Amino acid sequence: VRFILKVILIILLVVLIIFLVFKIKNKNISSNNKDNKISVL
């Protein structure tokens, strides 16, 4: 039980880190697109 709980906690922690990284990156991309918006023309 202790081993399984550790594995589950590690998996959750990795998922959380990945989620935060992608969220920050998407936020930066969104900000850059907003600040540096260039028309097709």
PDB file of all heavy atoms in Angstrom:
ATOM      1  N   VAL A   1       0.836  -1.205   0.000  1.00  0.00           N
ATOM      2  CA  VAL A   1       0.000   0.000   0.000  1.00  0.00           C
ATOM      3  C   VAL A   1       0.870   1.254   0.000  1.00  0.00           C
ATOM      4  O   VAL A   1       0.635   2.210  -0.743  1.00  0.00           O
ATOM      5  CB  VAL A   1      -0.968  -0.002   1.204  1.00  0.00           C
ATOM      6  CG1 VAL A   1      -1.662   1.366   1.319  1.00  0.00           C
ATOM      7  CG2 VAL A   1      -1.997  -1.111   1.055  1.00  0.00           C
ATOM      8  N   ARG A   2       1.914   1.245   0.811  1.00  0.00           N
ATOM      9  CA  ARG A   2       2.792   2.427   0.855  1.00  0.00           C
ATOM     10  C   ARG A   2       3.503   2.633  -0.482  1.00  0.00           C
ATOM     11  O   ARG A   2       3.633   3.766  -0.953  1.00  0.00           O
ATOM     12  CB  ARG A   2       3.832   2.238   1.960  1.00  0.00           C
ATOM     13  CG  ARG A   2       3.228   2.360   3.363  1.00  0.00           C
ATOM     14  CD  ARG A   2       4.302   2.203   4.417  1.00  0.00           C
ATOM     15  NE  ARG A   2       5.304   3.260   4.263  1.00  0.00           N
ATOM     16  CZ  ARG A   2       6.431   3.287   4.972  1.00  0.00           C
ATOM     17  NH1 ARG A   2       6.702   2.308   5.847  1.00  0.00           N
ATOM     18  NH2 ARG A   2       7.288   4.270   4.819  1.00  0.00           N
ATOM     19  N   PHE A   3       3.942   1.549  -1.071  1.00  0.00           N
ATOM     20  CA  PHE A   3       4.612   1.649  -2.359  1.00  0.00           C
ATOM     21  C   PHE A   3       3.683   2.205  -3.440  1.00  0.00           C
ATOM     22  O   PHE A   3       4.048   3.076  -4.229  1.00  0.00           O
ATOM     23  CB  PHE A   3       5.138   0.275  -2.758  1.00  0.00           C
ATOM     24  CG  PHE A   3       5.801   0.263  -4.106  1.00  0.00           C
ATOM     25  CD1 PHE A   3       7.089   0.796  -4.268  1.00  0.00           C
ATOM     26  CD2 PHE A   3       5.142  -0.246  -5.217  1.00  0.00           C
ATOM     27  CE1 PHE A   3       7.698   0.795  -5.502  1.00  0.00           C
ATOM     28  CE2 PHE A   3       5.751  -0.235  -6.443  1.00  0.00           C
ATOM     29  CZ  PHE A   3       7.034   0.273  -6.589  1.00  0.00           C
ATOM     30  N   ILE A   4       2.467   1.699  -3.452  1.00  0.00           N
ATOM     31  CA  ILE A   4       1.488   2.146  -4.451  1.00  0.00           C
ATOM     32  C   ILE A   4       1.168   3.620  -4.256  1.00  0.00           C
ATOM     33  O   ILE A   4       1.066   4.405  -5.210  1.00  0.00           O
ATOM     34  CB  ILE A   4       0.209   1.292  -4.377  1.00  0.00           C
ATOM     35  CG1 ILE A   4       0.530  -0.151  -4.833  1.00  0.00           C
ATOM     36  CG2 ILE A   4      -0.898   1.890  -5.254  1.00  0.00           C
ATOM     37  CD1 ILE A   4      -0.610  -1.115  -4.628  1.00  0.00           C
ATOM     38  N   LEU A   5       1.002   4.023  -2.982  1.00  0.00           N
ATOM     39  CA  LEU A   5       0.720   5.435  -2.708  1.00  0.00           C
ATOM     40  C   LEU A   5       1.859   6.332  -3.185  1.00  0.00           C
ATOM     41  O   LEU A   5       1.629   7.424  -3.745  1.00  0.00           O
ATOM     42  CB  LEU A   5       0.478   5.645  -1.213  1.00  0.00           C
ATOM     43  CG  LEU A   5      -0.842   5.090  -0.674  1.00  0.00           C
ATOM     44  CD1 LEU A   5      -0.921   5.257   0.837  1.00  0.00           C
ATOM     45  CD2 LEU A   5      -2.029   5.795  -1.337  1.00  0.00           C
ATOM     46  N   LYS A   6       3.106   5.913  -2.984  1.00  0.00           N
ATOM     47  CA  LYS A   6       4.246   6.701  -3.446  1.00  0.00           C
ATOM     48  C   LYS A   6       4.231   6.849  -4.961  1.00  0.00           C
ATOM     49  O   LYS A   6       4.469   7.930  -5.504  1.00  0.00           O
ATOM     50  CB  LYS A   6       5.545   6.044  -3.004  1.00  0.00           C
ATOM     51  CG  LYS A   6       5.834   6.194  -1.522  1.00  0.00           C
ATOM     52  CD  LYS A   6       7.173   5.568  -1.189  1.00  0.00           C
ATOM     53  CE  LYS A   6       7.501   5.720   0.302  1.00  0.00           C
ATOM     54  NZ  LYS A   6       8.793   5.095   0.648  1.00  0.00           N
ATOM     55  N   VAL A   7       3.963   5.757  -5.655  1.00  0.00           N
ATOM     56  CA  VAL A   7       3.917   5.805  -7.110  1.00  0.00           C
ATOM     57  C   VAL A   7       2.840   6.773  -7.586  1.00  0.00           C
ATOM     58  O   VAL A   7       3.038   7.586  -8.500  1.00  0.00           O
ATOM     59  CB  VAL A   7       3.697   4.404  -7.695  1.00  0.00           C
ATOM     60  CG1 VAL A   7       3.449   4.480  -9.211  1.00  0.00           C
ATOM     61  CG2 VAL A   7       4.894   3.508  -7.407  1.00  0.00           C
ATOM     62  N   ILE A   8       1.667   6.674  -6.922  1.00  0.00           N
ATOM     63  CA  ILE A   8       0.555   7.557  -7.324  1.00  0.00           C
ATOM     64  C   ILE A   8       0.923   9.016  -7.094  1.00  0.00           C
ATOM     65  O   ILE A   8       0.656   9.887  -7.930  1.00  0.00           O
ATOM     66  CB  ILE A   8      -0.726   7.176  -6.549  1.00  0.00           C
ATOM     67  CG1 ILE A   8      -1.207   5.784  -6.999  1.00  0.00           C
ATOM     68  CG2 ILE A   8      -1.821   8.216  -6.775  1.00  0.00           C
ATOM     69  CD1 ILE A   8      -2.375   5.257  -6.184  1.00  0.00           C
ATOM     70  N   LEU A   9       1.547   9.304  -5.959  1.00  0.00           N
ATOM     71  CA  LEU A   9       1.930  10.680  -5.654  1.00  0.00           C
ATOM     72  C   LEU A   9       2.956  11.201  -6.670  1.00  0.00           C
ATOM     73  O   LEU A   9       2.886  12.364  -7.114  1.00  0.00           O
ATOM     74  CB  LEU A   9       2.499  10.774  -4.239  1.00  0.00           C
ATOM     75  CG  LEU A   9       1.482  10.651  -3.101  1.00  0.00           C
ATOM     76  CD1 LEU A   9       2.181  10.630  -1.750  1.00  0.00           C
ATOM     77  CD2 LEU A   9       0.474  11.797  -3.159  1.00  0.00           C
ATOM     78  N   ILE A  10       3.915  10.376  -7.048  1.00  0.00           N
ATOM     79  CA  ILE A  10       4.922  10.784  -8.031  1.00  0.00           C
ATOM     80  C   ILE A  10       4.275  11.087  -9.379  1.00  0.00           C
ATOM     81  O   ILE A  10       4.576  12.091 -10.047  1.00  0.00           O
ATOM     82  CB  ILE A  10       6.003   9.700  -8.175  1.00  0.00           C
ATOM     83  CG1 ILE A  10       6.836   9.622  -6.890  1.00  0.00           C
ATOM     84  CG2 ILE A  10       6.921   9.999  -9.370  1.00  0.00           C
ATOM     85  CD1 ILE A  10       7.814   8.473  -6.863  1.00  0.00           C
ATOM     86  N   ILE A  11       3.345  10.233  -9.782  1.00  0.00           N
ATOM     87  CA  ILE A  11       2.654  10.441 -11.063  1.00  0.00           C
ATOM     88  C   ILE A  11       1.873  11.746 -11.039  1.00  0.00           C
ATOM     89  O   ILE A  11       1.896  12.546 -11.981  1.00  0.00           O
ATOM     90  CB  ILE A  11       1.738   9.251 -11.383  1.00  0.00           C
ATOM     91  CG1 ILE A  11       2.593   7.984 -11.636  1.00  0.00           C
ATOM     92  CG2 ILE A  11       0.851   9.555 -12.596  1.00  0.00           C
ATOM     93  CD1 ILE A  11       1.778   6.726 -11.816  1.00  0.00           C
ATOM     94  N   LEU A  12       1.148  11.981  -9.925  1.00  0.00           N
ATOM     95  CA  LEU A  12       0.369  13.219  -9.807  1.00  0.00           C
ATOM     96  C   LEU A  12       1.271  14.444  -9.846  1.00  0.00           C
ATOM     97  O   LEU A  12       0.941  15.464 -10.463  1.00  0.00           O
ATOM     98  CB  LEU A  12      -0.449  13.196  -8.508  1.00  0.00           C
ATOM     99  CG  LEU A  12      -1.610  12.201  -8.467  1.00  0.00           C
ATOM    100  CD1 LEU A  12      -2.262  12.210  -7.086  1.00  0.00           C
ATOM    101  CD2 LEU A  12      -2.652  12.534  -9.538  1.00  0.00           C
ATOM    102  N   LEU A  13       2.427  14.341  -9.191  1.00  0.00           N
ATOM    103  CA  LEU A  13       3.351  15.468  -9.166  1.00  0.00           C
ATOM    104  C   LEU A  13       3.893  15.763 -10.569  1.00  0.00           C
ATOM    105  O   LEU A  13       3.981  16.927 -10.988  1.00  0.00           O
ATOM    106  CB  LEU A  13       4.516  15.167  -8.211  1.00  0.00           C
ATOM    107  CG  LEU A  13       5.552  16.285  -8.038  1.00  0.00           C
ATOM    108  CD1 LEU A  13       4.874  17.542  -7.491  1.00  0.00           C
ATOM    109  CD2 LEU A  13       6.663  15.843  -7.105  1.00  0.00           C
ATOM    110  N   VAL A  14       4.246  14.723 -11.320  1.00  0.00           N
ATOM    111  CA  VAL A  14       4.740  14.910 -12.687  1.00  0.00           C
ATOM    112  C   VAL A  14       3.664  15.541 -13.572  1.00  0.00           C
ATOM    113  O   VAL A  14       3.921  16.464 -14.351  1.00  0.00           O
ATOM    114  CB  VAL A  14       5.205  13.567 -13.273  1.00  0.00           C
ATOM    115  CG1 VAL A  14       5.512  13.714 -14.771  1.00  0.00           C
ATOM    116  CG2 VAL A  14       6.433  13.050 -12.532  1.00  0.00           C
ATOM    117  N   VAL A  15       2.429  15.039 -13.437  1.00  0.00           N
ATOM    118  CA  VAL A  15       1.321  15.599 -14.241  1.00  0.00           C
ATOM    119  C   VAL A  15       1.113  17.061 -13.907  1.00  0.00           C
ATOM    120  O   VAL A  15       0.893  17.905 -14.788  1.00  0.00           O
ATOM    121  CB  VAL A  15       0.043  14.777 -13.997  1.00  0.00           C
ATOM    122  CG1 VAL A  15      -1.152  15.469 -14.654  1.00  0.00           C
ATOM    123  CG2 VAL A  15       0.197  13.373 -14.560  1.00  0.00           C
ATOM    124  N   LEU A  16       1.184  17.399 -12.613  1.00  0.00           N
ATOM    125  CA  LEU A  16       0.992  18.787 -12.190  1.00  0.00           C
ATOM    126  C   LEU A  16       2.081  19.695 -12.767  1.00  0.00           C
ATOM    127  O   LEU A  16       1.794  20.804 -13.242  1.00  0.00           O
ATOM    128  CB  LEU A  16       0.982  18.860 -10.653  1.00  0.00           C
ATOM    129  CG  LEU A  16       0.791  20.269 -10.057  1.00  0.00           C
ATOM    130  CD1 LEU A  16      -0.550  20.858 -10.496  1.00  0.00           C
ATOM    131  CD2 LEU A  16       0.874  20.209  -8.529  1.00  0.00           C
ATOM    132  N   ILE A  17       3.334  19.219 -12.724  1.00  0.00           N
ATOM    133  CA  ILE A  17       4.441  20.025 -13.265  1.00  0.00           C
ATOM    134  C   ILE A  17       4.264  20.252 -14.759  1.00  0.00           C
ATOM    135  O   ILE A  17       4.431  21.370 -15.271  1.00  0.00           O
ATOM    136  CB  ILE A  17       5.784  19.335 -12.976  1.00  0.00           C
ATOM    137  CG1 ILE A  17       6.086  19.371 -11.469  1.00  0.00           C
ATOM    138  CG2 ILE A  17       6.923  20.028 -13.747  1.00  0.00           C
ATOM    139  CD1 ILE A  17       7.311  18.585 -11.082  1.00  0.00           C
ATOM    140  N   ILE A  18       3.912  19.199 -15.500  1.00  0.00           N
ATOM    141  CA  ILE A  18       3.699  19.327 -16.949  1.00  0.00           C
ATOM    142  C   ILE A  18       2.579  20.318 -17.235  1.00  0.00           C
ATOM    143  O   ILE A  18       2.659  21.163 -18.127  1.00  0.00           O
ATOM    144  CB  ILE A  18       3.401  17.949 -17.579  1.00  0.00           C
ATOM    145  CG1 ILE A  18       4.641  17.036 -17.468  1.00  0.00           C
ATOM    146  CG2 ILE A  18       2.972  18.089 -19.029  1.00  0.00           C
ATOM    147  CD1 ILE A  18       4.406  15.625 -17.924  1.00  0.00           C
ATOM    148  N   PHE A  19       1.503  20.227 -16.445  1.00  0.00           N
ATOM    149  CA  PHE A  19       0.365  21.121 -16.631  1.00  0.00           C
ATOM    150  C   PHE A  19       0.775  22.581 -16.426  1.00  0.00           C
ATOM    151  O   PHE A  19       0.418  23.463 -17.209  1.00  0.00           O
ATOM    152  CB  PHE A  19      -0.756  20.725 -15.666  1.00  0.00           C
ATOM    153  CG  PHE A  19      -1.912  21.693 -15.664  1.00  0.00           C
ATOM    154  CD1 PHE A  19      -2.844  21.698 -16.704  1.00  0.00           C
ATOM    155  CD2 PHE A  19      -2.058  22.617 -14.642  1.00  0.00           C
ATOM    156  CE1 PHE A  19      -3.891  22.594 -16.689  1.00  0.00           C
ATOM    157  CE2 PHE A  19      -3.105  23.505 -14.637  1.00  0.00           C
ATOM    158  CZ  PHE A  19      -4.024  23.506 -15.664  1.00  0.00           C
ATOM    159  N   LEU A  20       1.539  22.821 -15.355  1.00  0.00           N
ATOM    160  CA  LEU A  20       1.970  24.198 -15.073  1.00  0.00           C
ATOM    161  C   LEU A  20       2.894  24.720 -16.160  1.00  0.00           C
ATOM    162  O   LEU A  20       2.805  25.887 -16.560  1.00  0.00           O
ATOM    163  CB  LEU A  20       2.660  24.249 -13.702  1.00  0.00           C
ATOM    164  CG  LEU A  20       1.755  24.014 -12.488  1.00  0.00           C
ATOM    165  CD1 LEU A  20       2.579  24.004 -11.209  1.00  0.00           C
ATOM    166  CD2 LEU A  20       0.681  25.099 -12.400  1.00  0.00           C
ATOM    167  N   VAL A  21       3.818  23.876 -16.640  1.00  0.00           N
ATOM    168  CA  VAL A  21       4.747  24.314 -17.687  1.00  0.00           C
ATOM    169  C   VAL A  21       3.999  24.706 -18.956  1.00  0.00           C
ATOM    170  O   VAL A  21       4.233  25.763 -19.552  1.00  0.00           O
ATOM    171  CB  VAL A  21       5.783  23.216 -17.985  1.00  0.00           C
ATOM    172  CG1 VAL A  21       6.570  23.555 -19.263  1.00  0.00           C
ATOM    173  CG2 VAL A  21       6.741  23.062 -16.815  1.00  0.00           C
ATOM    174  N   PHE A  22       3.064  23.859 -19.377  1.00  0.00           N
ATOM    175  CA  PHE A  22       2.297  24.162 -20.583  1.00  0.00           C
ATOM    176  C   PHE A  22       1.411  25.379 -20.402  1.00  0.00           C
ATOM    177  O   PHE A  22       1.206  26.165 -21.329  1.00  0.00           O
ATOM    178  CB  PHE A  22       1.446  22.950 -20.993  1.00  0.00           C
ATOM    179  CG  PHE A  22       2.203  21.971 -21.834  1.00  0.00           C
ATOM    180  CD1 PHE A  22       2.859  20.895 -21.265  1.00  0.00           C
ATOM    181  CD2 PHE A  22       2.293  22.145 -23.211  1.00  0.00           C
ATOM    182  CE1 PHE A  22       3.564  19.998 -22.039  1.00  0.00           C
ATOM    183  CE2 PHE A  22       2.999  21.253 -23.999  1.00  0.00           C
ATOM    184  CZ  PHE A  22       3.633  20.176 -23.419  1.00  0.00           C
ATOM    185  N   LYS A  23       0.910  25.561 -19.200  1.00  0.00           N
ATOM    186  CA  LYS A  23       0.056  26.709 -18.947  1.00  0.00           C
ATOM    187  C   LYS A  23       0.845  28.003 -19.052  1.00  0.00           C
ATOM    188  O   LYS A  23       0.394  28.986 -19.658  1.00  0.00           O
ATOM    189  CB  LYS A  23      -0.579  26.589 -17.561  1.00  0.00           C
ATOM    190  CG  LYS A  23      -1.604  27.690 -17.276  1.00  0.00           C
ATOM    191  CD  LYS A  23      -2.314  27.446 -15.955  1.00  0.00           C
ATOM    192  CE  LYS A  23      -3.359  28.545 -15.712  1.00  0.00           C
ATOM    193  NZ  LYS A  23      -4.050  28.348 -14.428  1.00  0.00           N
ATOM    194  N   ILE A  24       2.061  27.993 -18.451  1.00  0.00           N
ATOM    195  CA  ILE A  24       2.914  29.188 -18.517  1.00  0.00           C
ATOM    196  C   ILE A  24       3.336  29.462 -19.954  1.00  0.00           C
ATOM    197  O   ILE A  24       3.327  30.597 -20.436  1.00  0.00           O
ATOM    198  CB  ILE A  24       4.153  29.017 -17.612  1.00  0.00           C
ATOM    199  CG1 ILE A  24       3.716  28.978 -16.150  1.00  0.00           C
ATOM    200  CG2 ILE A  24       5.158  30.150 -17.849  1.00  0.00           C
ATOM    201  CD1 ILE A  24       4.845  28.650 -15.195  1.00  0.00           C
ATOM    202  N   LYS A  25       3.726  28.409 -20.692  1.00  0.00           N
ATOM    203  CA  LYS A  25       4.151  28.585 -22.075  1.00  0.00           C
ATOM    204  C   LYS A  25       3.025  29.126 -22.938  1.00  0.00           C
ATOM    205  O   LYS A  25       3.208  30.033 -23.746  1.00  0.00           O
ATOM    206  CB  LYS A  25       4.640  27.241 -22.620  1.00  0.00           C
ATOM    207  CG  LYS A  25       5.197  27.332 -24.039  1.00  0.00           C
ATOM    208  CD  LYS A  25       5.756  25.999 -24.474  1.00  0.00           C
ATOM    209  CE  LYS A  25       6.342  26.102 -25.886  1.00  0.00           C
ATOM    210  NZ  LYS A  25       6.862  24.808 -26.334  1.00  0.00           N
ATOM    211  N   ASN A  26       1.811  28.571 -22.759  1.00  0.00           N
ATOM    212  CA  ASN A  26       0.667  29.047 -23.536  1.00  0.00           C
ATOM    213  C   ASN A  26       0.329  30.480 -23.187  1.00  0.00           C
ATOM    214  O   ASN A  26      -0.082  31.269 -24.034  1.00  0.00           O
ATOM    215  CB  ASN A  26      -0.546  28.158 -23.294  1.00  0.00           C
ATOM    216  CG  ASN A  26      -0.372  26.777 -23.917  1.00  0.00           C
ATOM    217  OD1 ASN A  26       0.376  26.629 -24.882  1.00  0.00           O
ATOM    218  ND2 ASN A  26      -1.034  25.773 -23.365  1.00  0.00           N
ATOM    219  N   LYS A  27       0.536  30.824 -21.910  1.00  0.00           N
ATOM    220  CA  LYS A  27       0.266  32.201 -21.494  1.00  0.00           C
ATOM    221  C   LYS A  27       1.239  33.155 -22.163  1.00  0.00           C
ATOM    222  O   LYS A  27       0.866  34.229 -22.633  1.00  0.00           O
ATOM    223  CB  LYS A  27       0.377  32.315 -19.978  1.00  0.00           C
ATOM    224  CG  LYS A  27       0.046  33.701 -19.455  1.00  0.00           C
ATOM    225  CD  LYS A  27       0.127  33.723 -17.951  1.00  0.00           C
ATOM    226  CE  LYS A  27      -0.215  35.120 -17.422  1.00  0.00           C
ATOM    227  NZ  LYS A  27      -0.122  35.185 -15.941  1.00  0.00           N
ATOM    228  N   ASN A  28       2.528  32.750 -22.220  1.00  0.00           N
ATOM    229  CA  ASN A  28       3.537  33.589 -22.874  1.00  0.00           C
ATOM    230  C   ASN A  28       3.254  33.729 -24.355  1.00  0.00           C
ATOM    231  O   ASN A  28       3.379  34.802 -24.938  1.00  0.00           O
ATOM    232  CB  ASN A  28       4.937  33.018 -22.656  1.00  0.00           C
ATOM    233  CG  ASN A  28       5.389  33.145 -21.222  1.00  0.00           C
ATOM    234  OD1 ASN A  28       4.897  34.012 -20.491  1.00  0.00           O
ATOM    235  ND2 ASN A  28       6.310  32.278 -20.812  1.00  0.00           N
ATOM    236  N   ILE A  29       2.878  32.616 -24.967  1.00  0.00           N
ATOM    237  CA  ILE A  29       2.576  32.663 -26.404  1.00  0.00           C
ATOM    238  C   ILE A  29       1.382  33.558 -26.669  1.00  0.00           C
ATOM    239  O   ILE A  29       1.365  34.369 -27.594  1.00  0.00           O
ATOM    240  CB  ILE A  29       2.326  31.237 -26.948  1.00  0.00           C
ATOM    241  CG1 ILE A  29       3.618  30.427 -26.888  1.00  0.00           C
ATOM    242  CG2 ILE A  29       1.787  31.287 -28.368  1.00  0.00           C
ATOM    243  CD1 ILE A  29       3.454  28.986 -27.279  1.00  0.00           C
ATOM    244  N   SER A  30       0.372  33.425 -25.811  1.00  0.00           N
ATOM    245  CA  SER A  30      -0.812  34.264 -25.964  1.00  0.00           C
ATOM    246  C   SER A  30      -0.472  35.723 -25.783  1.00  0.00           C
ATOM    247  O   SER A  30      -0.945  36.589 -26.508  1.00  0.00           O
ATOM    248  CB  SER A  30      -1.875  33.835 -24.942  1.00  0.00           C
ATOM    249  OG  SER A  30      -2.999  34.675 -25.009  1.00  0.00           O
ATOM    250  N   SER A  31       0.403  35.987 -24.783  1.00  0.00           N
ATOM    251  CA  SER A  31       0.811  37.374 -24.541  1.00  0.00           C
ATOM    252  C   SER A  31       1.598  37.920 -25.706  1.00  0.00           C
ATOM    253  O   SER A  31       1.394  39.055 -26.138  1.00  0.00           O
ATOM    254  CB  SER A  31       1.638  37.443 -23.261  1.00  0.00           C
ATOM    255  OG  SER A  31       2.109  38.745 -23.066  1.00  0.00           O
ATOM    256  N   ASN A  32       2.516  37.103 -26.244  1.00  0.00           N
ATOM    257  CA  ASN A  32       3.307  37.553 -27.380  1.00  0.00           C
ATOM    258  C   ASN A  32       2.433  37.807 -28.591  1.00  0.00           C
ATOM    259  O   ASN A  32       2.625  38.769 -29.324  1.00  0.00           O
ATOM    260  CB  ASN A  32       4.385  36.530 -27.727  1.00  0.00           C
ATOM    261  CG  ASN A  32       5.471  36.487 -26.684  1.00  0.00           C
ATOM    262  OD1 ASN A  32       5.690  37.474 -25.976  1.00  0.00           O
ATOM    263  ND2 ASN A  32       6.150  35.348 -26.571  1.00  0.00           N
ATOM    264  N   ASN A  33       1.470  36.938 -28.801  1.00  0.00           N
ATOM    265  CA  ASN A  33       0.577  37.121 -29.942  1.00  0.00           C
ATOM    266  C   ASN A  33      -0.267  38.366 -29.778  1.00  0.00           C
ATOM    267  O   ASN A  33      -0.601  39.047 -30.740  1.00  0.00           O
ATOM    268  CB  ASN A  33      -0.331  35.901 -30.112  1.00  0.00           C
ATOM    269  CG  ASN A  33       0.446  34.697 -30.619  1.00  0.00           C
ATOM    270  OD1 ASN A  33       1.501  34.859 -31.227  1.00  0.00           O
ATOM    271  ND2 ASN A  33      -0.055  33.504 -30.363  1.00  0.00           N
ATOM    272  N   LYS A  34      -0.603  38.654 -28.539  1.00  0.00           N
ATOM    273  CA  LYS A  34      -1.424  39.836 -28.280  1.00  0.00           C
ATOM    274  C   LYS A  34      -0.617  41.100 -28.480  1.00  0.00           C
ATOM    275  O   LYS A  34      -1.098  42.094 -29.024  1.00  0.00           O
ATOM    276  CB  LYS A  34      -1.964  39.771 -26.854  1.00  0.00           C
ATOM    277  CG  LYS A  34      -2.903  40.934 -26.518  1.00  0.00           C
ATOM    278  CD  LYS A  34      -3.445  40.772 -25.119  1.00  0.00           C
ATOM    279  CE  LYS A  34      -4.396  41.925 -24.777  1.00  0.00           C
ATOM    280  NZ  LYS A  34      -4.924  41.786 -23.403  1.00  0.00           N
ATOM    281  N   ASP A  35       0.656  41.072 -28.001  1.00  0.00           N
ATOM    282  CA  ASP A  35       1.497  42.260 -28.088  1.00  0.00           C
ATOM    283  C   ASP A  35       2.056  42.450 -29.476  1.00  0.00           C
ATOM    284  O   ASP A  35       2.308  43.568 -29.905  1.00  0.00           O
ATOM    285  CB  ASP A  35       2.656  42.174 -27.081  1.00  0.00           C
ATOM    286  CG  ASP A  35       2.134  42.193 -25.656  1.00  0.00           C
ATOM    287  OD1 ASP A  35       1.002  42.681 -25.463  1.00  0.00           O
ATOM    288  OD2 ASP A  35       2.866  41.712 -24.768  1.00  0.00           O
ATOM    289  N   ASN A  36       2.333  41.363 -30.196  1.00  0.00           N
ATOM    290  CA  ASN A  36       2.990  41.447 -31.498  1.00  0.00           C
ATOM    291  C   ASN A  36       2.074  40.950 -32.599  1.00  0.00           C
ATOM    292  O   ASN A  36       2.479  40.201 -33.472  1.00  0.00           O
ATOM    293  CB  ASN A  36       4.293  40.643 -31.503  1.00  0.00           C
ATOM    294  CG  ASN A  36       5.229  41.099 -30.418  1.00  0.00           C
ATOM    295  OD1 ASN A  36       5.432  42.291 -30.243  1.00  0.00           O
ATOM    296  ND2 ASN A  36       5.799  40.162 -29.687  1.00  0.00           N
ATOM    297  N   LYS A  37       0.843  41.328 -32.544  1.00  0.00           N
ATOM    298  CA  LYS A  37      -0.127  40.874 -33.530  1.00  0.00           C
ATOM    299  C   LYS A  37       0.183  41.489 -34.885  1.00  0.00           C
ATOM    300  O   LYS A  37       0.310  42.691 -35.033  1.00  0.00           O
ATOM    301  CB  LYS A  37      -1.529  41.271 -33.090  1.00  0.00           C
ATOM    302  CG  LYS A  37      -2.614  40.700 -33.997  1.00  0.00           C
ATOM    303  CD  LYS A  37      -3.971  41.049 -33.448  1.00  0.00           C
ATOM    304  CE  LYS A  37      -5.082  40.470 -34.337  1.00  0.00           C
ATOM    305  NZ  LYS A  37      -6.404  40.808 -33.841  1.00  0.00           N
ATOM    306  N   ILE A  38       0.340  40.671 -35.909  1.00  0.00           N
ATOM    307  CA  ILE A  38       0.681  41.131 -37.257  1.00  0.00           C
ATOM    308  C   ILE A  38      -0.391  40.648 -38.217  1.00  0.00           C
ATOM    309  O   ILE A  38      -0.755  39.478 -38.229  1.00  0.00           O
ATOM    310  CB  ILE A  38       2.061  40.590 -37.676  1.00  0.00           C
ATOM    311  CG1 ILE A  38       3.113  41.103 -36.697  1.00  0.00           C
ATOM    312  CG2 ILE A  38       2.391  40.978 -39.094  1.00  0.00           C
ATOM    313  CD1 ILE A  38       4.491  40.568 -36.972  1.00  0.00           C
ATOM    314  N   SER A  39      -0.900  41.551 -38.995  1.00  0.00           N
ATOM    315  CA  SER A  39      -1.952  41.202 -39.928  1.00  0.00           C
ATOM    316  C   SER A  39      -1.384  40.423 -41.097  1.00  0.00           C
ATOM    317  O   SER A  39      -0.185  40.399 -41.339  1.00  0.00           O
ATOM    318  CB  SER A  39      -2.635  42.483 -40.426  1.00  0.00           C
ATOM    319  OG  SER A  39      -1.713  43.251 -41.161  1.00  0.00           O
ATOM    320  N   VAL A  40      -2.270  39.797 -41.844  1.00  0.00           N
ATOM    321  CA  VAL A  40      -1.853  39.050 -43.024  1.00  0.00           C
ATOM    322  C   VAL A  40      -1.238  39.992 -44.049  1.00  0.00           C
ATOM    323  O   VAL A  40      -0.269  39.659 -44.724  1.00  0.00           O
ATOM    324  CB  VAL A  40      -3.061  38.312 -43.631  1.00  0.00           C
ATOM    325  CG1 VAL A  40      -2.671  37.618 -44.935  1.00  0.00           C
ATOM    326  CG2 VAL A  40      -3.614  37.302 -42.641  1.00  0.00           C
ATOM    327  N   LEU A  41      -1.780  41.215 -44.134  1.00  0.00           N
ATOM    328  CA  LEU A  41      -1.245  42.198 -45.068  1.00  0.00           C
ATOM    329  C   LEU A  41       0.197  42.546 -44.720  1.00  0.00           C
ATOM    330  O   LEU A  41       1.070  42.592 -45.581  1.00  0.00           O
ATOM    331  CB  LEU A  41      -2.106  43.459 -45.056  1.00  0.00           C
ATOM    332  CG  LEU A  41      -1.632  44.609 -45.969  1.00  0.00           C
ATOM    333  CD1 LEU A  41      -1.578  44.150 -47.406  1.00  0.00           C
ATOM    334  CD2 LEU A  41      -2.534  45.826 -45.795  1.00  0.00           C
TER     335      LEU A  41
END
